[in-house]
Amino acid sequence: MVKKLFITLANLSGICGIVFCGVSGVARAAGSYYLFGYENMTVFNAGIGMMVLCILIKQEILLWASH
């Protein structure tokens, strides 16, 4: 049950991270410095943080499987 929840959370955070980074990159390439009321770099960093969260959760799931 918890493992399935963690897998879902990891996948959701990874997808959101990719979307945040992609939207931020496209907005910046279009010449906009602000997105959603925040600077593009802030949105980009939030996307990177979500992808790192995804990696850490998936690594924890792999550690559970080895025990």
PDB file of N, CA and C in Angstrom:
ATOM      1  N   MET A   1       0.823  -1.196   0.000  1.00  0.00           N
ATOM      2  CA  MET A   1       0.000   0.000   0.000  1.00  0.00           C
ATOM      3  C   MET A   1       0.870   1.264   0.000  1.00  0.00           C
ATOM      4  N   VAL A   2       1.810   1.340   0.938  1.00  0.00           N
ATOM      5  CA  VAL A   2       2.686   2.510   1.016  1.00  0.00           C
ATOM      6  C   VAL A   2       3.610   2.561  -0.198  1.00  0.00           C
ATOM      7  N   LYS A   3       4.062   1.395  -0.640  1.00  0.00           N
ATOM      8  CA  LYS A   3       4.949   1.360  -1.803  1.00  0.00           C
ATOM      9  C   LYS A   3       4.235   1.886  -3.041  1.00  0.00           C
ATOM     10  N   LYS A   4       2.981   1.500  -3.206  1.00  0.00           N
ATOM     11  CA  LYS A   4       2.208   1.973  -4.351  1.00  0.00           C
ATOM     12  C   LYS A   4       1.983   3.480  -4.275  1.00  0.00           C
ATOM     13  N   LEU A   5       1.748   3.991  -3.075  1.00  0.00           N
ATOM     14  CA  LEU A   5       1.584   5.434  -2.877  1.00  0.00           C
ATOM     15  C   LEU A   5       2.877   6.173  -3.229  1.00  0.00           C
ATOM     16  N   PHE A   6       4.017   5.636  -2.794  1.00  0.00           N
ATOM     17  CA  PHE A   6       5.309   6.257  -3.096  1.00  0.00           C
ATOM     18  C   PHE A   6       5.597   6.238  -4.597  1.00  0.00           C
ATOM     19  N   ILE A   7       5.253   5.143  -5.268  1.00  0.00           N
ATOM     20  CA  ILE A   7       5.474   5.064  -6.711  1.00  0.00           C
ATOM     21  C   ILE A   7       4.624   6.113  -7.426  1.00  0.00           C
ATOM     22  N   THR A   8       3.373   6.247  -7.010  1.00  0.00           N
ATOM     23  CA  THR A   8       2.491   7.250  -7.611  1.00  0.00           C
ATOM     24  C   THR A   8       3.011   8.652  -7.356  1.00  0.00           C
ATOM     25  N   LEU A   9       3.444   8.920  -6.130  1.00  0.00           N
ATOM     26  CA  LEU A   9       3.984  10.235  -5.785  1.00  0.00           C
ATOM     27  C   LEU A   9       5.241  10.536  -6.591  1.00  0.00           C
ATOM     28  N   ALA A  10       6.098   9.549  -6.754  1.00  0.00           N
ATOM     29  CA  ALA A  10       7.330   9.745  -7.526  1.00  0.00           C
ATOM     30  C   ALA A  10       7.017  10.050  -8.985  1.00  0.00           C
ATOM     31  N   ASN A  11       6.113   9.280  -9.572  1.00  0.00           N
ATOM     32  CA  ASN A  11       5.764   9.511 -10.975  1.00  0.00           C
ATOM     33  C   ASN A  11       5.098  10.865 -11.171  1.00  0.00           C
ATOM     34  N   LEU A  12       4.210  11.236 -10.259  1.00  0.00           N
ATOM     35  CA  LEU A  12       3.530  12.520 -10.359  1.00  0.00           C
ATOM     36  C   LEU A  12       4.501  13.689 -10.223  1.00  0.00           C
ATOM     37  N   SER A  13       5.416  13.597  -9.266  1.00  0.00           N
ATOM     38  CA  SER A  13       6.385  14.685  -9.094  1.00  0.00           C
ATOM     39  C   SER A  13       7.355  14.761 -10.274  1.00  0.00           C
ATOM     40  N   GLY A  14       7.706  13.635 -10.846  1.00  0.00           N
ATOM     41  CA  GLY A  14       8.579  13.638 -12.018  1.00  0.00           C
ATOM     42  C   GLY A  14       7.917  14.270 -13.229  1.00  0.00           C
ATOM     43  N   ILE A  15       6.663  13.922 -13.454  1.00  0.00           N
ATOM     44  CA  ILE A  15       5.930  14.504 -14.583  1.00  0.00           C
ATOM     45  C   ILE A  15       5.733  15.996 -14.388  1.00  0.00           C
ATOM     46  N   CYS A  16       5.347  16.406 -13.165  1.00  0.00           N
ATOM     47  CA  CYS A  16       5.168  17.838 -12.889  1.00  0.00           C
ATOM     48  C   CYS A  16       6.488  18.591 -13.058  1.00  0.00           C
ATOM     49  N   GLY A  17       7.581  17.990 -12.631  1.00  0.00           N
ATOM     50  CA  GLY A  17       8.888  18.617 -12.786  1.00  0.00           C
ATOM     51  C   GLY A  17       9.260  18.837 -14.235  1.00  0.00           C
ATOM     52  N   ILE A  18       9.003  17.839 -15.063  1.00  0.00           N
ATOM     53  CA  ILE A  18       9.286  17.965 -16.493  1.00  0.00           C
ATOM     54  C   ILE A  18       8.421  19.050 -17.114  1.00  0.00           C
ATOM     55  N   VAL A  19       7.147  19.087 -16.731  1.00  0.00           N
ATOM     56  CA  VAL A  19       6.235  20.100 -17.275  1.00  0.00           C
ATOM     57  C   VAL A  19       6.669  21.497 -16.835  1.00  0.00           C
ATOM     58  N   PHE A  20       7.005  21.662 -15.553  1.00  0.00           N
ATOM     59  CA  PHE A  20       7.444  22.971 -15.058  1.00  0.00           C
ATOM     60  C   PHE A  20       8.687  23.445 -15.805  1.00  0.00           C
ATOM     61  N   CYS A  21       9.669  22.561 -15.961  1.00  0.00           N
ATOM     62  CA  CYS A  21      10.899  22.941 -16.660  1.00  0.00           C
ATOM     63  C   CYS A  21      10.623  23.253 -18.126  1.00  0.00           C
ATOM     64  N   GLY A  22       9.786  22.458 -18.762  1.00  0.00           N
ATOM     65  CA  GLY A  22       9.470  22.690 -20.162  1.00  0.00           C
ATOM     66  C   GLY A  22       8.726  23.989 -20.388  1.00  0.00           C
ATOM     67  N   VAL A  23       7.723  24.251 -19.558  1.00  0.00           N
ATOM     68  CA  VAL A  23       6.952  25.486 -19.691  1.00  0.00           C
ATOM     69  C   VAL A  23       7.832  26.696 -19.412  1.00  0.00           C
ATOM     70  N   SER A  24       8.677  26.580 -18.411  1.00  0.00           N
ATOM     71  CA  SER A  24       9.585  27.678 -18.079  1.00  0.00           C
ATOM     72  C   SER A  24      10.564  27.943 -19.226  1.00  0.00           C
ATOM     73  N   GLY A  25      11.081  26.888 -19.815  1.00  0.00           N
ATOM     74  CA  GLY A  25      12.012  27.049 -20.938  1.00  0.00           C
ATOM     75  C   GLY A  25      11.357  27.661 -22.162  1.00  0.00           C
ATOM     76  N   VAL A  26      10.151  27.218 -22.464  1.00  0.00           N
ATOM     77  CA  VAL A  26       9.438  27.767 -23.624  1.00  0.00           C
ATOM     78  C   VAL A  26       9.086  29.234 -23.382  1.00  0.00           C
ATOM     79  N   ALA A  27       8.642  29.556 -22.165  1.00  0.00           N
ATOM     80  CA  ALA A  27       8.307  30.945 -21.855  1.00  0.00           C
ATOM     81  C   ALA A  27       9.541  31.838 -21.943  1.00  0.00           C
ATOM     82  N   ARG A  28      10.657  31.340 -21.475  1.00  0.00           N
ATOM     83  CA  ARG A  28      11.890  32.135 -21.538  1.00  0.00           C
ATOM     84  C   ARG A  28      12.364  32.299 -22.973  1.00  0.00           C
ATOM     85  N   ALA A  29      12.234  31.253 -23.761  1.00  0.00           N
ATOM     86  CA  ALA A  29      12.621  31.350 -25.171  1.00  0.00           C
ATOM     87  C   ALA A  29      11.714  32.323 -25.935  1.00  0.00           C
ATOM     88  N   ALA A  30      10.482  32.467 -25.460  1.00  0.00           N
ATOM     89  CA  ALA A  30       9.547  33.405 -26.084  1.00  0.00           C
ATOM     90  C   ALA A  30       9.803  34.843 -25.629  1.00  0.00           C
ATOM     91  N   GLY A  31      10.700  35.037 -24.675  1.00  0.00           N
ATOM     92  CA  GLY A  31      11.059  36.381 -24.248  1.00  0.00           C
ATOM     93  C   GLY A  31      10.426  36.844 -22.954  1.00  0.00           C
ATOM     94  N   SER A  32       9.703  35.964 -22.291  1.00  0.00           N
ATOM     95  CA  SER A  32       9.044  36.338 -21.037  1.00  0.00           C
ATOM     96  C   SER A  32       9.964  36.042 -19.854  1.00  0.00           C
ATOM     97  N   TYR A  33      10.083  37.006 -18.950  1.00  0.00           N
ATOM     98  CA  TYR A  33      10.903  36.797 -17.759  1.00  0.00           C
ATOM     99  C   TYR A  33      10.087  36.287 -16.578  1.00  0.00           C
ATOM    100  N   TYR A  34       8.767  36.418 -16.640  1.00  0.00           N
ATOM    101  CA  TYR A  34       7.904  36.024 -15.529  1.00  0.00           C
ATOM    102  C   TYR A  34       6.848  35.027 -15.998  1.00  0.00           C
ATOM    103  N   LEU A  35       6.530  34.090 -15.117  1.00  0.00           N
ATOM    104  CA  LEU A  35       5.552  33.057 -15.404  1.00  0.00           C
ATOM    105  C   LEU A  35       4.816  32.738 -14.113  1.00  0.00           C
ATOM    106  N   PHE A  36       3.511  32.741 -14.134  1.00  0.00           N
ATOM    107  CA  PHE A  36       2.684  32.485 -12.951  1.00  0.00           C
ATOM    108  C   PHE A  36       2.977  33.482 -11.829  1.00  0.00           C
ATOM    109  N   GLY A  37       3.463  34.665 -12.166  1.00  0.00           N
ATOM    110  CA  GLY A  37       3.799  35.659 -11.155  1.00  0.00           C
ATOM    111  C   GLY A  37       5.175  35.470 -10.537  1.00  0.00           C
ATOM    112  N   TYR A  38       5.933  34.502 -11.012  1.00  0.00           N
ATOM    113  CA  TYR A  38       7.285  34.226 -10.514  1.00  0.00           C
ATOM    114  C   TYR A  38       8.278  34.363 -11.666  1.00  0.00           C
ATOM    115  N   GLU A  39       9.537  34.567 -11.325  1.00  0.00           N
ATOM    116  CA  GLU A  39      10.560  34.573 -12.361  1.00  0.00           C
ATOM    117  C   GLU A  39      10.670  33.184 -12.977  1.00  0.00           C
ATOM    118  N   ASN A  40      11.050  33.136 -14.239  1.00  0.00           N
ATOM    119  CA  ASN A  40      11.191  31.852 -14.925  1.00  0.00           C
ATOM    120  C   ASN A  40      12.213  30.941 -14.251  1.00  0.00           C
ATOM    121  N   MET A  41      13.295  31.510 -13.748  1.00  0.00           N
ATOM    122  CA  MET A  41      14.314  30.678 -13.087  1.00  0.00           C
ATOM    123  C   MET A  41      13.766  30.027 -11.819  1.00  0.00           C
ATOM    124  N   THR A  42      12.862  30.716 -11.127  1.00  0.00           N
ATOM    125  CA  THR A  42      12.251  30.140  -9.928  1.00  0.00           C
ATOM    126  C   THR A  42      11.374  28.954 -10.300  1.00  0.00           C
ATOM    127  N   VAL A  43      10.588  29.096 -11.348  1.00  0.00           N
ATOM    128  CA  VAL A  43       9.740  27.995 -11.817  1.00  0.00           C
ATOM    129  C   VAL A  43      10.611  26.837 -12.309  1.00  0.00           C
ATOM    130  N   PHE A  44      11.697  27.159 -13.000  1.00  0.00           N
ATOM    131  CA  PHE A  44      12.627  26.135 -13.482  1.00  0.00           C
ATOM    132  C   PHE A  44      13.260  25.379 -12.312  1.00  0.00           C
ATOM    133  N   ASN A  45      13.687  26.107 -11.288  1.00  0.00           N
ATOM    134  CA  ASN A  45      14.276  25.469 -10.112  1.00  0.00           C
ATOM    135  C   ASN A  45      13.261  24.608  -9.369  1.00  0.00           C
ATOM    136  N   ALA A  46      11.998  25.033  -9.337  1.00  0.00           N
ATOM    137  CA  ALA A  46      10.959  24.208  -8.722  1.00  0.00           C
ATOM    138  C   ALA A  46      10.787  22.901  -9.500  1.00  0.00           C
ATOM    139  N   GLY A  47      10.863  22.976 -10.814  1.00  0.00           N
ATOM    140  CA  GLY A  47      10.777  21.775 -11.638  1.00  0.00           C
ATOM    141  C   GLY A  47      11.944  20.829 -11.390  1.00  0.00           C
ATOM    142  N   ILE A  48      13.127  21.386 -11.255  1.00  0.00           N
ATOM    143  CA  ILE A  48      14.298  20.552 -10.943  1.00  0.00           C
ATOM    144  C   ILE A  48      14.135  19.897  -9.574  1.00  0.00           C
ATOM    145  N   GLY A  49      13.626  20.653  -8.626  1.00  0.00           N
ATOM    146  CA  GLY A  49      13.387  20.101  -7.289  1.00  0.00           C
ATOM    147  C   GLY A  49      12.398  18.951  -7.308  1.00  0.00           C
ATOM    148  N   MET A  50      11.364  19.067  -8.122  1.00  0.00           N
ATOM    149  CA  MET A  50      10.388  17.979  -8.240  1.00  0.00           C
ATOM    150  C   MET A  50      11.002  16.737  -8.860  1.00  0.00           C
ATOM    151  N   MET A  51      11.858  16.931  -9.855  1.00  0.00           N
ATOM    152  CA  MET A  51      12.513  15.780 -10.472  1.00  0.00           C
ATOM    153  C   MET A  51      13.499  15.118  -9.512  1.00  0.00           C
ATOM    154  N   VAL A  52      14.175  15.911  -8.696  1.00  0.00           N
ATOM    155  CA  VAL A  52      15.077  15.344  -7.683  1.00  0.00           C
ATOM    156  C   VAL A  52      14.276  14.557  -6.653  1.00  0.00           C
ATOM    157  N   LEU A  53      13.110  15.093  -6.257  1.00  0.00           N
ATOM    158  CA  LEU A  53      12.238  14.365  -5.338  1.00  0.00           C
ATOM    159  C   LEU A  53      11.842  13.022  -5.929  1.00  0.00           C
ATOM    160  N   CYS A  54      11.520  13.001  -7.199  1.00  0.00           N
ATOM    161  CA  CYS A  54      11.178  11.759  -7.892  1.00  0.00           C
ATOM    162  C   CYS A  54      12.322  10.744  -7.802  1.00  0.00           C
ATOM    163  N   ILE A  55      13.528  11.206  -8.062  1.00  0.00           N
ATOM    164  CA  ILE A  55      14.698  10.321  -8.024  1.00  0.00           C
ATOM    165  C   ILE A  55      14.920   9.777  -6.616  1.00  0.00           C
ATOM    166  N   LEU A  56      14.802  10.628  -5.612  1.00  0.00           N
ATOM    167  CA  LEU A  56      15.030  10.187  -4.237  1.00  0.00           C
ATOM    168  C   LEU A  56      13.975   9.183  -3.772  1.00  0.00           C
ATOM    169  N   ILE A  57      12.721   9.401  -4.153  1.00  0.00           N
ATOM    170  CA  ILE A  57      11.672   8.452  -3.777  1.00  0.00           C
ATOM    171  C   ILE A  57      11.896   7.113  -4.464  1.00  0.00           C
ATOM    172  N   LYS A  58      12.247   7.141  -5.739  1.00  0.00           N
ATOM    173  CA  LYS A  58      12.489   5.879  -6.450  1.00  0.00           C
ATOM    174  C   LYS A  58      13.709   5.147  -5.903  1.00  0.00           C
ATOM    175  N   GLN A  59      14.702   5.898  -5.457  1.00  0.00           N
ATOM    176  CA  GLN A  59      15.867   5.272  -4.838  1.00  0.00           C
ATOM    177  C   GLN A  59      15.474   4.617  -3.513  1.00  0.00           C
ATOM    178  N   GLU A  60      14.603   5.260  -2.756  1.00  0.00           N
ATOM    179  CA  GLU A  60      14.125   4.679  -1.502  1.00  0.00           C
ATOM    180  C   GLU A  60      13.339   3.393  -1.764  1.00  0.00           C
ATOM    181  N   ILE A  61      12.546   3.376  -2.825  1.00  0.00           N
ATOM    182  CA  ILE A  61      11.797   2.167  -3.178  1.00  0.00           C
ATOM    183  C   ILE A  61      12.765   1.031  -3.521  1.00  0.00           C
ATOM    184  N   LEU A  62      13.834   1.342  -4.230  1.00  0.00           N
ATOM    185  CA  LEU A  62      14.833   0.317  -4.545  1.00  0.00           C
ATOM    186  C   LEU A  62      15.524  -0.196  -3.288  1.00  0.00           C
ATOM    187  N   LEU A  63      15.746   0.685  -2.329  1.00  0.00           N
ATOM    188  CA  LEU A  63      16.358   0.252  -1.071  1.00  0.00           C
ATOM    189  C   LEU A  63      15.409  -0.660  -0.290  1.00  0.00           C
ATOM    190  N   TRP A  64      14.115  -0.380  -0.332  1.00  0.00           N
ATOM    191  CA  TRP A  64      13.147  -1.265   0.325  1.00  0.00           C
ATOM    192  C   TRP A  64      13.175  -2.654  -0.292  1.00  0.00           C
ATOM    193  N   ALA A  65      13.331  -2.716  -1.622  1.00  0.00           N
ATOM    194  CA  ALA A  65      13.324  -4.008  -2.301  1.00  0.00           C
ATOM    195  C   ALA A  65      14.552  -4.841  -1.956  1.00  0.00           C
ATOM    196  N   SER A  66      15.656  -4.198  -1.585  1.00  0.00           N
ATOM    197  CA  SER A  66      16.884  -4.947  -1.303  1.00  0.00           C
ATOM    198  C   SER A  66      16.909  -5.514   0.115  1.00  0.00           C
ATOM    199  N   HIS A  67      15.977  -5.094   0.959  1.00  0.00           N
ATOM    200  CA  HIS A  67      15.964  -5.606   2.345  1.00  0.00           C
ATOM    201  C   HIS A  67      15.053  -6.775   2.501  1.00  0.00           C
TER     202      HIS A  67
END
